[in-house]
């Protein structure tokens, strides 16, 4: 059984439970999709890829996931400020997963861009997690 859902639940709980992040994005600003008329700024749990990392004696998985920070009014500066807070909350932290153990959670990179069609700014943070 994959630990992917347990990992996503723990990440969501960690982000939603931080008063500093909530002050930046507002309540209920973390979701798994960008709505047609989003309330910005917001954090969207983006794509996730899970790979088998099992050994002969241990079951394991490697997860690559992206968290997207969407901003409108204050643009890139606001998106980067929120991205820094998200990174501080998740990079190299220990999270309790239901039914699995988090071995590591590390930020692997970030990219920013302006969406031409909507004129929103997007900061996408990529993480790599290993679970057993």
N, C-alpha and C. Protein backbone atom coordinates (compact mmCIF):
# COMPACT_ATOMS: atom_id res chain seq x y z
N UNK A 1 0.83 -1.18 0.00
CA UNK A 1 0.00 0.00 0.00
C UNK A 1 0.88 1.25 0.00
N UNK A 2 0.54 2.20 -0.81
CA UNK A 2 1.33 3.41 -0.95
C UNK A 2 1.17 4.34 0.25
N UNK A 3 2.26 4.99 0.61
CA UNK A 3 2.25 5.96 1.69
C UNK A 3 1.96 7.37 1.17
N UNK A 4 1.66 7.49 -0.11
CA UNK A 4 1.47 8.81 -0.73
C UNK A 4 0.37 9.61 -0.05
N UNK A 5 -0.78 9.01 0.18
CA UNK A 5 -1.87 9.75 0.81
C UNK A 5 -1.54 10.17 2.23
N UNK A 6 -0.90 9.29 2.97
CA UNK A 6 -0.49 9.63 4.34
C UNK A 6 0.51 10.79 4.33
N UNK A 7 1.41 10.80 3.37
CA UNK A 7 2.38 11.88 3.24
C UNK A 7 1.66 13.20 2.93
N UNK A 8 0.75 13.19 1.99
CA UNK A 8 0.01 14.40 1.63
C UNK A 8 -0.83 14.92 2.80
N UNK A 9 -1.44 14.02 3.56
CA UNK A 9 -2.22 14.43 4.72
C UNK A 9 -1.33 15.10 5.76
N UNK A 10 -0.15 14.54 5.99
CA UNK A 10 0.77 15.11 6.98
C UNK A 10 1.28 16.48 6.53
N UNK A 11 1.57 16.61 5.23
CA UNK A 11 2.02 17.90 4.70
C UNK A 11 0.91 18.94 4.85
N UNK A 12 -0.31 18.57 4.49
CA UNK A 12 -1.43 19.49 4.60
C UNK A 12 -1.63 19.93 6.05
N UNK A 13 -1.58 18.98 6.97
CA UNK A 13 -1.76 19.29 8.40
C UNK A 13 -0.67 20.24 8.89
N UNK A 14 0.57 19.98 8.48
CA UNK A 14 1.69 20.83 8.90
C UNK A 14 1.51 22.27 8.41
N UNK A 15 1.14 22.42 7.13
CA UNK A 15 0.96 23.75 6.56
C UNK A 15 -0.26 24.46 7.15
N UNK A 16 -1.38 23.76 7.22
CA UNK A 16 -2.62 24.36 7.71
C UNK A 16 -2.54 24.70 9.20
N UNK A 17 -1.68 24.01 9.93
CA UNK A 17 -1.57 24.25 11.36
C UNK A 17 -0.61 25.34 11.76
N UNK A 18 0.00 26.01 10.80
CA UNK A 18 0.97 27.05 11.12
C UNK A 18 0.32 28.43 11.04
N UNK A 19 0.30 29.14 12.16
CA UNK A 19 -0.34 30.45 12.23
C UNK A 19 0.35 31.47 11.34
N UNK A 20 1.66 31.39 11.23
CA UNK A 20 2.39 32.33 10.38
C UNK A 20 2.02 32.19 8.91
N UNK A 21 1.90 30.94 8.45
CA UNK A 21 1.51 30.70 7.06
C UNK A 21 0.06 31.11 6.83
N UNK A 22 -0.80 30.80 7.79
CA UNK A 22 -2.21 31.19 7.68
C UNK A 22 -2.34 32.71 7.60
N UNK A 23 -1.50 33.44 8.31
CA UNK A 23 -1.53 34.90 8.24
C UNK A 23 -1.17 35.39 6.83
N UNK A 24 -0.32 34.65 6.13
CA UNK A 24 0.08 35.04 4.78
C UNK A 24 -0.96 34.69 3.71
N UNK A 25 -1.59 33.51 3.85
CA UNK A 25 -2.48 33.03 2.79
C UNK A 25 -3.96 33.01 3.18
N UNK A 26 -4.25 33.10 4.45
CA UNK A 26 -5.64 33.04 4.89
C UNK A 26 -6.04 31.61 5.24
N UNK A 27 -7.21 31.50 5.83
CA UNK A 27 -7.75 30.20 6.24
C UNK A 27 -8.27 29.46 5.01
N UNK A 28 -8.12 28.16 4.98
CA UNK A 28 -8.59 27.31 3.88
C UNK A 28 -7.96 27.66 2.54
N UNK A 29 -6.71 28.06 2.55
CA UNK A 29 -6.01 28.45 1.32
C UNK A 29 -5.18 27.32 0.73
N UNK A 30 -5.25 26.12 1.32
CA UNK A 30 -4.47 24.98 0.85
C UNK A 30 -5.43 23.96 0.27
N UNK A 31 -5.22 23.60 -1.00
CA UNK A 31 -6.13 22.64 -1.64
C UNK A 31 -5.36 21.75 -2.61
N UNK A 32 -6.07 20.83 -3.23
CA UNK A 32 -5.42 19.95 -4.19
C UNK A 32 -5.72 20.35 -5.63
N UNK A 33 -6.34 21.52 -5.81
CA UNK A 33 -6.59 22.01 -7.16
C UNK A 33 -6.81 23.52 -7.13
N UNK A 34 -6.53 24.17 -8.24
CA UNK A 34 -6.78 25.60 -8.37
C UNK A 34 -8.19 25.77 -8.93
N UNK A 35 -9.03 26.42 -8.18
CA UNK A 35 -10.42 26.61 -8.59
C UNK A 35 -10.51 27.58 -9.76
N UNK A 36 -11.62 27.54 -10.47
CA UNK A 36 -11.81 28.42 -11.63
C UNK A 36 -11.72 29.90 -11.23
N UNK A 37 -12.25 30.24 -10.07
CA UNK A 37 -12.16 31.60 -9.54
C UNK A 37 -11.50 31.52 -8.16
N UNK A 38 -10.19 31.37 -8.15
CA UNK A 38 -9.51 31.14 -6.87
C UNK A 38 -9.44 32.39 -6.01
N UNK A 39 -9.42 32.16 -4.69
CA UNK A 39 -9.13 33.23 -3.74
C UNK A 39 -7.63 33.19 -3.51
N UNK A 40 -6.94 34.21 -3.94
CA UNK A 40 -5.48 34.22 -3.87
C UNK A 40 -4.99 35.17 -2.80
N UNK A 41 -3.84 34.91 -2.20
CA UNK A 41 -2.91 33.84 -2.54
C UNK A 41 -3.41 32.49 -2.04
N UNK A 42 -2.86 31.44 -2.63
CA UNK A 42 -3.24 30.10 -2.24
C UNK A 42 -2.13 29.10 -2.52
N UNK A 43 -2.25 27.96 -1.89
CA UNK A 43 -1.28 26.87 -2.05
C UNK A 43 -2.03 25.67 -2.62
N UNK A 44 -1.51 25.13 -3.71
CA UNK A 44 -2.12 23.97 -4.35
C UNK A 44 -1.13 22.82 -4.32
N UNK A 45 -1.61 21.67 -3.86
CA UNK A 45 -0.79 20.46 -3.92
C UNK A 45 -0.84 20.00 -5.37
N UNK A 46 0.28 20.09 -6.05
CA UNK A 46 0.36 19.79 -7.47
C UNK A 46 0.64 18.33 -7.74
N UNK A 47 1.39 18.11 -8.80
CA UNK A 47 1.65 16.73 -9.23
C UNK A 47 2.49 15.98 -8.21
N UNK A 48 2.31 14.66 -8.23
CA UNK A 48 3.08 13.79 -7.35
C UNK A 48 3.37 12.49 -8.11
N UNK A 49 4.61 12.07 -8.03
CA UNK A 49 5.02 10.80 -8.64
C UNK A 49 5.60 9.93 -7.53
N UNK A 50 5.16 8.69 -7.48
CA UNK A 50 5.66 7.75 -6.48
C UNK A 50 6.33 6.59 -7.18
N UNK A 51 7.52 6.23 -6.68
CA UNK A 51 8.28 5.11 -7.24
C UNK A 51 8.61 4.11 -6.15
N UNK A 52 8.67 2.85 -6.54
CA UNK A 52 9.04 1.80 -5.60
C UNK A 52 10.52 1.93 -5.27
N UNK A 53 10.83 1.88 -4.01
CA UNK A 53 12.21 1.99 -3.56
C UNK A 53 12.52 0.84 -2.60
N UNK A 54 11.78 -0.25 -2.74
CA UNK A 54 11.92 -1.39 -1.84
C UNK A 54 13.25 -2.09 -2.04
N UNK A 55 13.70 -2.70 -0.95
CA UNK A 55 14.88 -3.56 -0.99
C UNK A 55 14.40 -4.99 -0.72
N UNK A 56 15.32 -5.90 -0.65
CA UNK A 56 14.95 -7.28 -0.37
C UNK A 56 14.27 -7.41 1.00
N UNK A 57 14.70 -6.60 1.94
CA UNK A 57 14.19 -6.73 3.31
C UNK A 57 13.22 -5.62 3.74
N UNK A 58 13.18 -4.51 3.02
CA UNK A 58 12.35 -3.37 3.44
C UNK A 58 11.48 -2.88 2.29
N UNK A 59 10.24 -2.50 2.61
CA UNK A 59 9.35 -1.87 1.63
C UNK A 59 9.57 -0.37 1.72
N UNK A 60 9.76 0.26 0.59
CA UNK A 60 9.98 1.70 0.59
C UNK A 60 9.47 2.35 -0.67
N UNK A 61 9.25 3.65 -0.58
CA UNK A 61 8.81 4.43 -1.73
C UNK A 61 9.53 5.77 -1.77
N UNK A 62 9.68 6.27 -2.97
CA UNK A 62 10.26 7.58 -3.21
C UNK A 62 9.16 8.42 -3.85
N UNK A 63 8.91 9.60 -3.29
CA UNK A 63 7.83 10.46 -3.76
C UNK A 63 8.42 11.80 -4.22
N UNK A 64 8.04 12.20 -5.40
CA UNK A 64 8.41 13.51 -5.93
C UNK A 64 7.13 14.32 -6.02
N UNK A 65 7.08 15.46 -5.34
CA UNK A 65 5.86 16.24 -5.35
C UNK A 65 6.14 17.72 -5.51
N UNK A 66 5.13 18.42 -6.00
CA UNK A 66 5.23 19.86 -6.21
C UNK A 66 4.14 20.56 -5.43
N UNK A 67 4.51 21.63 -4.76
CA UNK A 67 3.56 22.51 -4.12
C UNK A 67 3.59 23.83 -4.87
N UNK A 68 2.42 24.29 -5.27
CA UNK A 68 2.32 25.51 -6.06
C UNK A 68 1.77 26.64 -5.21
N UNK A 69 2.45 27.77 -5.24
CA UNK A 69 1.99 28.96 -4.55
C UNK A 69 1.52 29.93 -5.62
N UNK A 70 0.24 30.27 -5.57
CA UNK A 70 -0.37 31.17 -6.55
C UNK A 70 -0.60 32.53 -5.90
N UNK A 71 -0.27 33.59 -6.64
CA UNK A 71 -0.42 34.94 -6.14
C UNK A 71 -0.95 35.83 -7.25
N UNK A 72 -1.61 36.88 -6.86
CA UNK A 72 -2.15 37.80 -7.85
C UNK A 72 -1.71 39.23 -7.55
N UNK A 73 -2.25 39.81 -6.53
CA UNK A 73 -2.06 41.22 -6.23
C UNK A 73 -0.63 41.66 -6.04
N UNK A 74 0.09 41.00 -5.17
CA UNK A 74 1.46 41.39 -4.88
C UNK A 74 2.47 40.58 -5.67
N UNK A 75 1.98 39.79 -6.60
CA UNK A 75 2.83 39.11 -7.58
C UNK A 75 3.91 38.22 -7.04
N UNK A 76 5.05 38.28 -7.72
CA UNK A 76 6.16 37.39 -7.45
C UNK A 76 6.70 37.55 -6.03
N UNK A 77 6.75 38.77 -5.53
CA UNK A 77 7.27 39.01 -4.19
C UNK A 77 6.45 38.24 -3.15
N UNK A 78 5.14 38.30 -3.27
CA UNK A 78 4.27 37.59 -2.34
C UNK A 78 4.43 36.08 -2.50
N UNK A 79 4.48 35.60 -3.72
CA UNK A 79 4.64 34.17 -3.98
C UNK A 79 5.95 33.66 -3.37
N UNK A 80 7.01 34.43 -3.52
CA UNK A 80 8.31 34.03 -2.97
C UNK A 80 8.32 34.06 -1.44
N UNK A 81 7.63 35.01 -0.85
CA UNK A 81 7.54 35.08 0.60
C UNK A 81 6.81 33.85 1.16
N UNK A 82 5.72 33.49 0.51
CA UNK A 82 4.96 32.30 0.94
C UNK A 82 5.78 31.04 0.69
N UNK A 83 6.47 30.98 -0.44
CA UNK A 83 7.31 29.82 -0.75
C UNK A 83 8.41 29.64 0.29
N UNK A 84 8.99 30.73 0.74
CA UNK A 84 10.03 30.65 1.78
C UNK A 84 9.45 30.08 3.08
N UNK A 85 8.25 30.47 3.43
CA UNK A 85 7.61 29.98 4.65
C UNK A 85 7.29 28.48 4.51
N UNK A 86 6.75 28.09 3.35
CA UNK A 86 6.44 26.67 3.10
C UNK A 86 7.71 25.83 3.18
N UNK A 87 8.78 26.31 2.57
CA UNK A 87 10.06 25.60 2.60
C UNK A 87 10.55 25.44 4.04
N UNK A 88 10.46 26.51 4.82
CA UNK A 88 10.91 26.44 6.22
C UNK A 88 10.08 25.43 7.01
N UNK A 89 8.80 25.28 6.67
CA UNK A 89 7.93 24.35 7.39
C UNK A 89 8.14 22.89 7.00
N UNK A 90 8.63 22.66 5.77
CA UNK A 90 8.68 21.28 5.27
C UNK A 90 10.08 20.72 5.01
N UNK A 91 11.03 21.55 4.69
CA UNK A 91 12.35 21.04 4.30
C UNK A 91 13.06 20.39 5.47
N UNK A 92 13.37 19.11 5.31
CA UNK A 92 14.14 18.34 6.28
C UNK A 92 13.47 18.26 7.65
N UNK A 93 12.12 18.16 7.65
CA UNK A 93 11.41 18.02 8.91
C UNK A 93 10.94 16.58 9.08
N UNK A 94 10.58 16.26 10.30
CA UNK A 94 10.06 14.94 10.61
C UNK A 94 8.54 15.05 10.76
N UNK A 95 7.81 14.32 9.95
CA UNK A 95 6.36 14.30 10.02
C UNK A 95 5.90 12.90 10.40
N UNK A 96 4.84 12.83 11.16
CA UNK A 96 4.26 11.54 11.55
C UNK A 96 3.24 11.15 10.48
N UNK A 97 3.45 9.98 9.88
CA UNK A 97 2.54 9.48 8.86
C UNK A 97 1.73 8.32 9.43
N UNK A 98 0.49 8.23 9.02
CA UNK A 98 -0.34 7.11 9.45
C UNK A 98 -0.05 5.91 8.55
N UNK A 99 0.45 4.83 9.15
CA UNK A 99 0.71 3.60 8.42
C UNK A 99 2.04 3.55 7.69
N UNK A 100 2.88 4.55 7.87
CA UNK A 100 4.19 4.58 7.22
C UNK A 100 5.14 5.43 8.05
N UNK A 101 6.41 5.38 7.68
CA UNK A 101 7.43 6.18 8.36
C UNK A 101 8.09 7.08 7.32
N UNK A 102 8.19 8.35 7.63
CA UNK A 102 8.88 9.29 6.75
C UNK A 102 10.37 9.24 7.07
N UNK A 103 11.17 8.82 6.09
CA UNK A 103 12.62 8.75 6.26
C UNK A 103 13.24 10.12 6.00
N UNK A 104 12.80 10.78 4.94
CA UNK A 104 13.32 12.11 4.65
C UNK A 104 12.32 12.88 3.79
N UNK A 105 12.37 14.19 3.92
CA UNK A 105 11.59 15.12 3.11
C UNK A 105 12.48 16.31 2.84
N UNK A 106 12.91 16.46 1.58
CA UNK A 106 13.87 17.50 1.23
C UNK A 106 13.39 18.31 0.03
N UNK A 107 13.61 19.60 0.10
CA UNK A 107 13.33 20.47 -1.04
C UNK A 107 14.41 20.24 -2.09
N UNK A 108 13.98 20.04 -3.33
CA UNK A 108 14.95 19.81 -4.40
C UNK A 108 15.07 21.00 -5.34
N UNK A 109 14.14 21.93 -5.29
CA UNK A 109 14.24 23.09 -6.16
C UNK A 109 12.96 23.90 -6.18
N UNK A 110 13.03 25.02 -6.90
CA UNK A 110 11.87 25.90 -7.03
C UNK A 110 11.99 26.66 -8.34
N UNK A 111 10.85 26.94 -8.93
CA UNK A 111 10.84 27.81 -10.11
C UNK A 111 9.65 28.75 -10.00
N UNK A 112 9.77 29.92 -10.59
CA UNK A 112 8.69 30.89 -10.58
C UNK A 112 8.40 31.33 -12.01
N UNK A 113 7.16 31.73 -12.23
CA UNK A 113 6.79 32.26 -13.54
C UNK A 113 5.49 33.03 -13.41
N UNK A 114 5.23 33.82 -14.43
CA UNK A 114 3.95 34.51 -14.53
C UNK A 114 3.11 33.78 -15.56
N UNK A 115 1.89 33.45 -15.19
CA UNK A 115 0.97 32.81 -16.11
C UNK A 115 0.37 33.87 -17.02
N UNK A 116 0.69 33.83 -18.30
CA UNK A 116 0.26 34.87 -19.22
C UNK A 116 -1.25 34.97 -19.35
N UNK A 117 -1.91 33.83 -19.38
CA UNK A 117 -3.35 33.81 -19.58
C UNK A 117 -4.11 34.46 -18.42
N UNK A 118 -3.69 34.15 -17.19
CA UNK A 118 -4.40 34.65 -16.01
C UNK A 118 -3.70 35.84 -15.36
N UNK A 119 -2.43 36.04 -15.67
CA UNK A 119 -1.58 37.06 -15.06
C UNK A 119 -1.29 36.79 -13.58
N UNK A 120 -1.54 35.56 -13.13
CA UNK A 120 -1.16 35.16 -11.78
C UNK A 120 0.33 34.85 -11.78
N UNK A 121 0.92 34.93 -10.60
CA UNK A 121 2.30 34.48 -10.41
C UNK A 121 2.27 33.11 -9.73
N UNK A 122 3.20 32.27 -10.15
CA UNK A 122 3.28 30.92 -9.62
C UNK A 122 4.70 30.65 -9.16
N UNK A 123 4.83 30.18 -7.93
CA UNK A 123 6.10 29.66 -7.43
C UNK A 123 5.85 28.19 -7.16
N UNK A 124 6.61 27.32 -7.81
CA UNK A 124 6.44 25.88 -7.64
C UNK A 124 7.66 25.31 -6.92
N UNK A 125 7.39 24.73 -5.75
CA UNK A 125 8.46 24.14 -4.94
C UNK A 125 8.40 22.64 -5.12
N UNK A 126 9.55 22.03 -5.39
CA UNK A 126 9.62 20.57 -5.57
C UNK A 126 10.30 19.94 -4.37
N UNK A 127 9.71 18.81 -3.95
CA UNK A 127 10.23 18.06 -2.81
C UNK A 127 10.42 16.61 -3.20
N UNK A 128 11.35 15.96 -2.51
CA UNK A 128 11.56 14.52 -2.61
C UNK A 128 11.40 13.94 -1.22
N UNK A 129 10.54 12.94 -1.10
CA UNK A 129 10.32 12.28 0.18
C UNK A 129 10.58 10.79 0.02
N UNK A 130 11.09 10.18 1.07
CA UNK A 130 11.29 8.74 1.11
C UNK A 130 10.50 8.21 2.30
N UNK A 131 9.71 7.17 2.05
CA UNK A 131 8.91 6.56 3.11
C UNK A 131 9.17 5.07 3.18
N UNK A 132 8.94 4.53 4.35
CA UNK A 132 9.06 3.07 4.57
C UNK A 132 7.76 2.60 5.17
